[in-house]
Amino acid sequence: MHNALVRGTLKADGDGRLLVPAKVVEPMGTGRPTDALRVLRDTRRATARCLERRGLTRPRVRWDEFKALAVSANRK
C-alpha cells in the first residue's frame, strides 16, 4: 500500500483520459530525496503492521500484467 497525491489537469486523449501532472502533494515532504526515502520506509512499515494486524500476507504483484498494460498504453 503505497500512495502519492498528484495534482494536474485531466484531458481527453482519443477515447480515454490523460493526466498531465502539475505537482506532487504531501506525503512526499519538501521534495528532497531524503523525504521520499523516509515516506517510502514509513509506508512500508505501516503496510506491514496493517497486514500483520489482519493476519494477512503481502499480496503477490502480478508484474507481467502491469508490463502488458504499459506496453498497451505506449502503443496509443
PDB file of N, CA and C in Angstrom:
ATOM      1  N   MET A   1       0.843  -1.162   0.000  1.00  0.00           N
ATOM      2  CA  MET A   1       0.000   0.000   0.000  1.00  0.00           C
ATOM      3  C   MET A   1       0.894   1.233   0.000  1.00  0.00           C
ATOM      4  N   HIS A   2       1.115   1.765  -1.165  1.00  0.00           N
ATOM      5  CA  HIS A   2       1.888   2.989  -1.325  1.00  0.00           C
ATOM      6  C   HIS A   2       0.976   4.008  -1.982  1.00  0.00           C
ATOM      7  N   ASN A   3       1.205   5.259  -1.727  1.00  0.00           N
ATOM      8  CA  ASN A   3       0.364   6.263  -2.353  1.00  0.00           C
ATOM      9  C   ASN A   3       1.135   7.539  -2.600  1.00  0.00           C
ATOM     10  N   ALA A   4       0.596   8.320  -3.481  1.00  0.00           N
ATOM     11  CA  ALA A   4       1.099   9.666  -3.742  1.00  0.00           C
ATOM     12  C   ALA A   4      -0.088  10.471  -4.246  1.00  0.00           C
ATOM     13  N   LEU A   5      -0.124  11.716  -3.900  1.00  0.00           N
ATOM     14  CA  LEU A   5      -1.179  12.598  -4.381  1.00  0.00           C
ATOM     15  C   LEU A   5      -0.570  13.471  -5.466  1.00  0.00           C
ATOM     16  N   VAL A   6      -1.099  13.334  -6.664  1.00  0.00           N
ATOM     17  CA  VAL A   6      -0.605  14.088  -7.810  1.00  0.00           C
ATOM     18  C   VAL A   6      -1.717  15.006  -8.273  1.00  0.00           C
ATOM     19  N   ARG A   7      -1.394  16.272  -8.416  1.00  0.00           N
ATOM     20  CA  ARG A   7      -2.370  17.239  -8.932  1.00  0.00           C
ATOM     21  C   ARG A   7      -1.988  17.605 -10.346  1.00  0.00           C
ATOM     22  N   GLY A   8      -3.010  17.802 -11.156  1.00  0.00           N
ATOM     23  CA  GLY A   8      -2.750  18.169 -12.540  1.00  0.00           C
ATOM     24  C   GLY A   8      -4.048  18.386 -13.278  1.00  0.00           C
ATOM     25  N   THR A   9      -3.973  18.282 -14.574  1.00  0.00           N
ATOM     26  CA  THR A   9      -5.123  18.503 -15.431  1.00  0.00           C
ATOM     27  C   THR A   9      -5.480  17.195 -16.123  1.00  0.00           C
ATOM     28  N   LEU A  10      -6.763  16.842 -16.093  1.00  0.00           N
ATOM     29  CA  LEU A  10      -7.244  15.655 -16.775  1.00  0.00           C
ATOM     30  C   LEU A  10      -7.777  16.089 -18.136  1.00  0.00           C
ATOM     31  N   LYS A  11      -7.181  15.548 -19.192  1.00  0.00           N
ATOM     32  CA  LYS A  11      -7.555  15.953 -20.543  1.00  0.00           C
ATOM     33  C   LYS A  11      -8.043  14.749 -21.334  1.00  0.00           C
ATOM     34  N   ALA A  12      -8.952  15.007 -22.271  1.00  0.00           N
ATOM     35  CA  ALA A  12      -9.404  13.952 -23.178  1.00  0.00           C
ATOM     36  C   ALA A  12      -8.241  13.587 -24.081  1.00  0.00           C
ATOM     37  N   ASP A  13      -8.056  12.280 -24.292  1.00  0.00           N
ATOM     38  CA  ASP A  13      -6.968  11.797 -25.138  1.00  0.00           C
ATOM     39  C   ASP A  13      -7.513  10.663 -25.991  1.00  0.00           C
ATOM     40  N   GLY A  14      -8.012  11.004 -27.168  1.00  0.00           N
ATOM     41  CA  GLY A  14      -8.628   9.985 -28.002  1.00  0.00           C
ATOM     42  C   GLY A  14      -9.879   9.459 -27.333  1.00  0.00           C
ATOM     43  N   ASP A  15      -9.893   8.155 -27.057  1.00  0.00           N
ATOM     44  CA  ASP A  15     -11.062   7.561 -26.406  1.00  0.00           C
ATOM     45  C   ASP A  15     -10.861   7.379 -24.906  1.00  0.00           C
ATOM     46  N   GLY A  16      -9.824   8.016 -24.351  1.00  0.00           N
ATOM     47  CA  GLY A  16      -9.545   7.894 -22.923  1.00  0.00           C
ATOM     48  C   GLY A  16      -9.248   9.241 -22.304  1.00  0.00           C
ATOM     49  N   ARG A  17      -8.565   9.210 -21.184  1.00  0.00           N
ATOM     50  CA  ARG A  17      -8.181  10.410 -20.455  1.00  0.00           C
ATOM     51  C   ARG A  17      -6.683  10.380 -20.198  1.00  0.00           C
ATOM     52  N   LEU A  18      -6.089  11.550 -20.067  1.00  0.00           N
ATOM     53  CA  LEU A  18      -4.668  11.681 -19.801  1.00  0.00           C
ATOM     54  C   LEU A  18      -4.482  12.681 -18.669  1.00  0.00           C
ATOM     55  N   LEU A  19      -3.765  12.258 -17.623  1.00  0.00           N
ATOM     56  CA  LEU A  19      -3.464  13.158 -16.518  1.00  0.00           C
ATOM     57  C   LEU A  19      -2.135  13.840 -16.816  1.00  0.00           C
ATOM     58  N   VAL A  20      -2.166  15.160 -16.867  1.00  0.00           N
ATOM     59  CA  VAL A  20      -0.954  15.950 -17.051  1.00  0.00           C
ATOM     60  C   VAL A  20      -0.583  16.491 -15.676  1.00  0.00           C
ATOM     61  N   PRO A  21       0.410  15.856 -15.003  1.00  0.00           N
ATOM     62  CA  PRO A  21       0.737  16.247 -13.637  1.00  0.00           C
ATOM     63  C   PRO A  21       1.294  17.660 -13.552  1.00  0.00           C
ATOM     64  N   ALA A  22       0.915  18.369 -12.497  1.00  0.00           N
ATOM     65  CA  ALA A  22       1.437  19.709 -12.253  1.00  0.00           C
ATOM     66  C   ALA A  22       2.301  19.727 -10.998  1.00  0.00           C
ATOM     67  N   LYS A  23       1.919  18.923  -9.994  1.00  0.00           N
ATOM     68  CA  LYS A  23       2.723  18.872  -8.773  1.00  0.00           C
ATOM     69  C   LYS A  23       2.358  17.656  -7.944  1.00  0.00           C
ATOM     70  N   VAL A  24       3.302  17.228  -7.138  1.00  0.00           N
ATOM     71  CA  VAL A  24       3.078  16.152  -6.184  1.00  0.00           C
ATOM     72  C   VAL A  24       2.876  16.800  -4.824  1.00  0.00           C
ATOM     73  N   VAL A  25       1.807  16.404  -4.153  1.00  0.00           N
ATOM     74  CA  VAL A  25       1.459  16.975  -2.866  1.00  0.00           C
ATOM     75  C   VAL A  25       1.827  15.964  -1.786  1.00  0.00           C
ATOM     76  N   GLU A  26       1.969  16.419  -0.539  1.00  0.00           N
ATOM     77  CA  GLU A  26       2.267  15.521   0.569  1.00  0.00           C
ATOM     78  C   GLU A  26       1.714  14.131   0.310  1.00  0.00           C
ATOM     79  N   PRO A  27       2.312  13.085   0.749  1.00  0.00           N
ATOM     80  CA  PRO A  27       3.212  12.970   1.871  1.00  0.00           C
ATOM     81  C   PRO A  27       4.683  13.020   1.499  1.00  0.00           C
ATOM     82  N   MET A  28       5.032  13.469   0.330  1.00  0.00           N
ATOM     83  CA  MET A  28       6.428  13.431  -0.094  1.00  0.00           C
ATOM     84  C   MET A  28       7.282  14.533   0.535  1.00  0.00           C
ATOM     85  N   GLY A  29       6.733  15.354   1.370  1.00  0.00           N
ATOM     86  CA  GLY A  29       7.533  16.355   2.071  1.00  0.00           C
ATOM     87  C   GLY A  29       7.980  17.480   1.164  1.00  0.00           C
ATOM     88  N   THR A  30       9.222  17.909   1.333  1.00  0.00           N
ATOM     89  CA  THR A  30       9.743  19.066   0.612  1.00  0.00           C
ATOM     90  C   THR A  30      10.243  18.727  -0.779  1.00  0.00           C
ATOM     91  N   GLY A  31      10.293  17.449  -1.103  1.00  0.00           N
ATOM     92  CA  GLY A  31      10.798  17.056  -2.402  1.00  0.00           C
ATOM     93  C   GLY A  31      12.245  16.613  -2.370  1.00  0.00           C
ATOM     94  N   ARG A  32      12.874  16.722  -1.193  1.00  0.00           N
ATOM     95  CA  ARG A  32      14.256  16.249  -1.083  1.00  0.00           C
ATOM     96  C   ARG A  32      14.258  14.723  -1.148  1.00  0.00           C
ATOM     97  N   PRO A  33      15.324  14.134  -1.699  1.00  0.00           N
ATOM     98  CA  PRO A  33      15.404  12.668  -1.771  1.00  0.00           C
ATOM     99  C   PRO A  33      15.257  12.002  -0.405  1.00  0.00           C
ATOM    100  N   THR A  34      15.761  12.630   0.649  1.00  0.00           N
ATOM    101  CA  THR A  34      15.649  12.034   1.979  1.00  0.00           C
ATOM    102  C   THR A  34      14.192  11.964   2.427  1.00  0.00           C
ATOM    103  N   ASP A  35      13.376  12.944   2.033  1.00  0.00           N
ATOM    104  CA  ASP A  35      11.951  12.917   2.367  1.00  0.00           C
ATOM    105  C   ASP A  35      11.268  11.745   1.673  1.00  0.00           C
ATOM    106  N   ALA A  36      11.588  11.547   0.407  1.00  0.00           N
ATOM    107  CA  ALA A  36      10.985  10.449  -0.342  1.00  0.00           C
ATOM    108  C   ALA A  36      11.364   9.107   0.283  1.00  0.00           C
ATOM    109  N   LEU A  37      12.613   8.960   0.657  1.00  0.00           N
ATOM    110  CA  LEU A  37      13.052   7.709   1.282  1.00  0.00           C
ATOM    111  C   LEU A  37      12.347   7.488   2.623  1.00  0.00           C
ATOM    112  N   ARG A  38      12.193   8.551   3.394  1.00  0.00           N
ATOM    113  CA  ARG A  38      11.509   8.442   4.683  1.00  0.00           C
ATOM    114  C   ARG A  38      10.064   8.010   4.492  1.00  0.00           C
ATOM    115  N   VAL A  39       9.383   8.625   3.533  1.00  0.00           N
ATOM    116  CA  VAL A  39       7.986   8.285   3.286  1.00  0.00           C
ATOM    117  C   VAL A  39       7.863   6.827   2.840  1.00  0.00           C
ATOM    118  N   LEU A  40       8.732   6.395   1.941  1.00  0.00           N
ATOM    119  CA  LEU A  40       8.686   5.011   1.478  1.00  0.00           C
ATOM    120  C   LEU A  40       8.945   4.041   2.629  1.00  0.00           C
ATOM    121  N   ARG A  41       9.926   4.333   3.445  1.00  0.00           N
ATOM    122  CA  ARG A  41      10.252   3.478   4.589  1.00  0.00           C
ATOM    123  C   ARG A  41       9.072   3.426   5.558  1.00  0.00           C
ATOM    124  N   ASP A  42       8.523   4.581   5.899  1.00  0.00           N
ATOM    125  CA  ASP A  42       7.403   4.635   6.840  1.00  0.00           C
ATOM    126  C   ASP A  42       6.172   3.926   6.281  1.00  0.00           C
ATOM    127  N   THR A  43       5.928   4.084   4.993  1.00  0.00           N
ATOM    128  CA  THR A  43       4.770   3.462   4.365  1.00  0.00           C
ATOM    129  C   THR A  43       4.911   1.946   4.349  1.00  0.00           C
ATOM    130  N   ARG A  44       6.110   1.467   4.071  1.00  0.00           N
ATOM    131  CA  ARG A  44       6.342   0.014   4.098  1.00  0.00           C
ATOM    132  C   ARG A  44       6.091  -0.544   5.493  1.00  0.00           C
ATOM    133  N   ARG A  45       6.550   0.161   6.510  1.00  0.00           N
ATOM    134  CA  ARG A  45       6.331  -0.288   7.889  1.00  0.00           C
ATOM    135  C   ARG A  45       4.843  -0.282   8.242  1.00  0.00           C
ATOM    136  N   ALA A  46       4.151   0.777   7.853  1.00  0.00           N
ATOM    137  CA  ALA A  46       2.711   0.866   8.137  1.00  0.00           C
ATOM    138  C   ALA A  46       1.956  -0.249   7.415  1.00  0.00           C
ATOM    139  N   THR A  47       2.350  -0.554   6.197  1.00  0.00           N
ATOM    140  CA  THR A  47       1.724  -1.632   5.443  1.00  0.00           C
ATOM    141  C   THR A  47       1.938  -2.967   6.138  1.00  0.00           C
ATOM    142  N   ALA A  48       3.170  -3.217   6.577  1.00  0.00           N
ATOM    143  CA  ALA A  48       3.482  -4.470   7.273  1.00  0.00           C
ATOM    144  C   ALA A  48       2.642  -4.600   8.547  1.00  0.00           C
ATOM    145  N   ARG A  49       2.502  -3.519   9.301  1.00  0.00           N
ATOM    146  CA  ARG A  49       1.692  -3.552  10.532  1.00  0.00           C
ATOM    147  C   ARG A  49       0.223  -3.816  10.210  1.00  0.00           C
ATOM    148  N   CYS A  50      -0.278  -3.174   9.178  1.00  0.00           N
ATOM    149  CA  CYS A  50      -1.681  -3.334   8.780  1.00  0.00           C
ATOM    150  C   CYS A  50      -1.951  -4.799   8.399  1.00  0.00           C
ATOM    151  N   LEU A  51      -1.084  -5.370   7.585  1.00  0.00           N
ATOM    152  CA  LEU A  51      -1.257  -6.763   7.173  1.00  0.00           C
ATOM    153  C   LEU A  51      -1.156  -7.702   8.371  1.00  0.00           C
ATOM    154  N   GLU A  52      -0.191  -7.435   9.252  1.00  0.00           N
ATOM    155  CA  GLU A  52       0.011  -8.289  10.423  1.00  0.00           C
ATOM    156  C   GLU A  52      -1.217  -8.262  11.344  1.00  0.00           C
ATOM    157  N   ARG A  53      -1.765  -7.079  11.587  1.00  0.00           N
ATOM    158  CA  ARG A  53      -2.954  -6.955  12.445  1.00  0.00           C
ATOM    159  C   ARG A  53      -4.133  -7.754  11.904  1.00  0.00           C
ATOM    160  N   ARG A  54      -4.215  -7.848  10.599  1.00  0.00           N
ATOM    161  CA  ARG A  54      -5.338  -8.544   9.970  1.00  0.00           C
ATOM    162  C   ARG A  54      -5.019 -10.005   9.654  1.00  0.00           C
ATOM    163  N   GLY A  55      -3.801 -10.435   9.973  1.00  0.00           N
ATOM    164  CA  GLY A  55      -3.421 -11.825   9.713  1.00  0.00           C
ATOM    165  C   GLY A  55      -3.281 -12.138   8.234  1.00  0.00           C
ATOM    166  N   LEU A  56      -2.898 -11.127   7.454  1.00  0.00           N
ATOM    167  CA  LEU A  56      -2.774 -11.300   6.008  1.00  0.00           C
ATOM    168  C   LEU A  56      -1.314 -11.352   5.596  1.00  0.00           C
ATOM    169  N   THR A  57      -1.056 -11.989   4.459  1.00  0.00           N
ATOM    170  CA  THR A  57       0.290 -11.964   3.885  1.00  0.00           C
ATOM    171  C   THR A  57       0.327 -10.892   2.810  1.00  0.00           C
ATOM    172  N   ARG A  58       1.522 -10.439   2.505  1.00  0.00           N
ATOM    173  CA  ARG A  58       1.670  -9.428   1.459  1.00  0.00           C
ATOM    174  C   ARG A  58       1.235 -10.029   0.124  1.00  0.00           C
ATOM    175  N   PRO A  59       0.336  -9.359  -0.598  1.00  0.00           N
ATOM    176  CA  PRO A  59      -0.138  -9.924  -1.869  1.00  0.00           C
ATOM    177  C   PRO A  59       0.976  -9.961  -2.914  1.00  0.00           C
ATOM    178  N   ARG A  60       0.891 -10.951  -3.785  1.00  0.00           N
ATOM    179  CA  ARG A  60       1.854 -11.086  -4.879  1.00  0.00           C
ATOM    180  C   ARG A  60       1.483 -10.067  -5.962  1.00  0.00           C
ATOM    181  N   VAL A  61       2.458  -9.336  -6.436  1.00  0.00           N
ATOM    182  CA  VAL A  61       2.233  -8.367  -7.516  1.00  0.00           C
ATOM    183  C   VAL A  61       2.396  -9.105  -8.842  1.00  0.00           C
ATOM    184  N   ARG A  62       1.411  -8.969  -9.687  1.00  0.00           N
ATOM    185  CA  ARG A  62       1.462  -9.636 -11.000  1.00  0.00           C
ATOM    186  C   ARG A  62       2.114  -8.693 -12.009  1.00  0.00           C
ATOM    187  N   TRP A  63       3.447  -8.637 -11.943  1.00  0.00           N
ATOM    188  CA  TRP A  63       4.207  -7.702 -12.761  1.00  0.00           C
ATOM    189  C   TRP A  63       3.985  -7.938 -14.250  1.00  0.00           C
ATOM    190  N   ASP A  64       3.768  -9.174 -14.658  1.00  0.00           N
ATOM    191  CA  ASP A  64       3.541  -9.452 -16.071  1.00  0.00           C
ATOM    192  C   ASP A  64       2.317  -8.699 -16.594  1.00  0.00           C
ATOM    193  N   GLU A  65       1.276  -8.604 -15.756  1.00  0.00           N
ATOM    194  CA  GLU A  65       0.081  -7.871 -16.167  1.00  0.00           C
ATOM    195  C   GLU A  65       0.335  -6.365 -16.221  1.00  0.00           C
ATOM    196  N   PHE A  66       1.111  -5.830 -15.262  1.00  0.00           N
ATOM    197  CA  PHE A  66       1.460  -4.412 -15.293  1.00  0.00           C
ATOM    198  C   PHE A  66       2.283  -4.088 -16.537  1.00  0.00           C
ATOM    199  N   LYS A  67       3.236  -4.953 -16.859  1.00  0.00           N
ATOM    200  CA  LYS A  67       4.075  -4.723 -18.041  1.00  0.00           C
ATOM    201  C   LYS A  67       3.238  -4.752 -19.310  1.00  0.00           C
ATOM    202  N   ALA A  68       2.283  -5.669 -19.382  1.00  0.00           N
ATOM    203  CA  ALA A  68       1.407  -5.739 -20.551  1.00  0.00           C
ATOM    204  C   ALA A  68       0.576  -4.461 -20.685  1.00  0.00           C
ATOM    205  N   LEU A  69       0.091  -3.937 -19.560  1.00  0.00           N
ATOM    206  CA  LEU A  69      -0.653  -2.671 -19.600  1.00  0.00           C
ATOM    207  C   LEU A  69       0.224  -1.522 -20.075  1.00  0.00           C
ATOM    208  N   ALA A  70       1.468  -1.494 -19.597  1.00  0.00           N
ATOM    209  CA  ALA A  70       2.394  -0.436 -20.002  1.00  0.00           C
ATOM    210  C   ALA A  70       2.669  -0.496 -21.497  1.00  0.00           C
ATOM    211  N   VAL A  71       2.883  -1.690 -22.000  1.00  0.00           N
ATOM    212  CA  VAL A  71       3.128  -1.849 -23.440  1.00  0.00           C
ATOM    213  C   VAL A  71       1.917  -1.387 -24.223  1.00  0.00           C
ATOM    214  N   SER A  72       0.720  -1.783 -23.767  1.00  0.00           N
ATOM    215  CA  SER A  72      -0.512  -1.384 -24.430  1.00  0.00           C
ATOM    216  C   SER A  72      -0.685   0.141 -24.415  1.00  0.00           C
ATOM    217  N   ALA A  73      -0.378   0.771 -23.288  1.00  0.00           N
ATOM    218  CA  ALA A  73      -0.524   2.225 -23.171  1.00  0.00           C
ATOM    219  C   ALA A  73       0.460   2.953 -24.064  1.00  0.00           C
ATOM    220  N   ASN A  74       1.656   2.414 -24.236  1.00  0.00           N
ATOM    221  CA  ASN A  74       2.671   3.061 -25.069  1.00  0.00           C
ATOM    222  C   ASN A  74       2.328   2.986 -26.560  1.00  0.00           C
ATOM    223  N   ARG A  75       1.486   2.057 -26.928  1.00  0.00           N
ATOM    224  CA  ARG A  75       1.091   1.916 -28.346  1.00  0.00           C
ATOM    225  C   ARG A  75       0.058   2.928 -28.775  1.00  0.00           C
ATOM    226  N   LYS A  76      -0.621   3.554 -27.782  1.00  0.00           N
ATOM    227  CA  LYS A  76      -1.691   4.511 -28.108  1.00  0.00           C
ATOM    228  C   LYS A  76      -1.134   5.867 -28.389  1.00  0.00           C
TER     229      LYS A  76
END
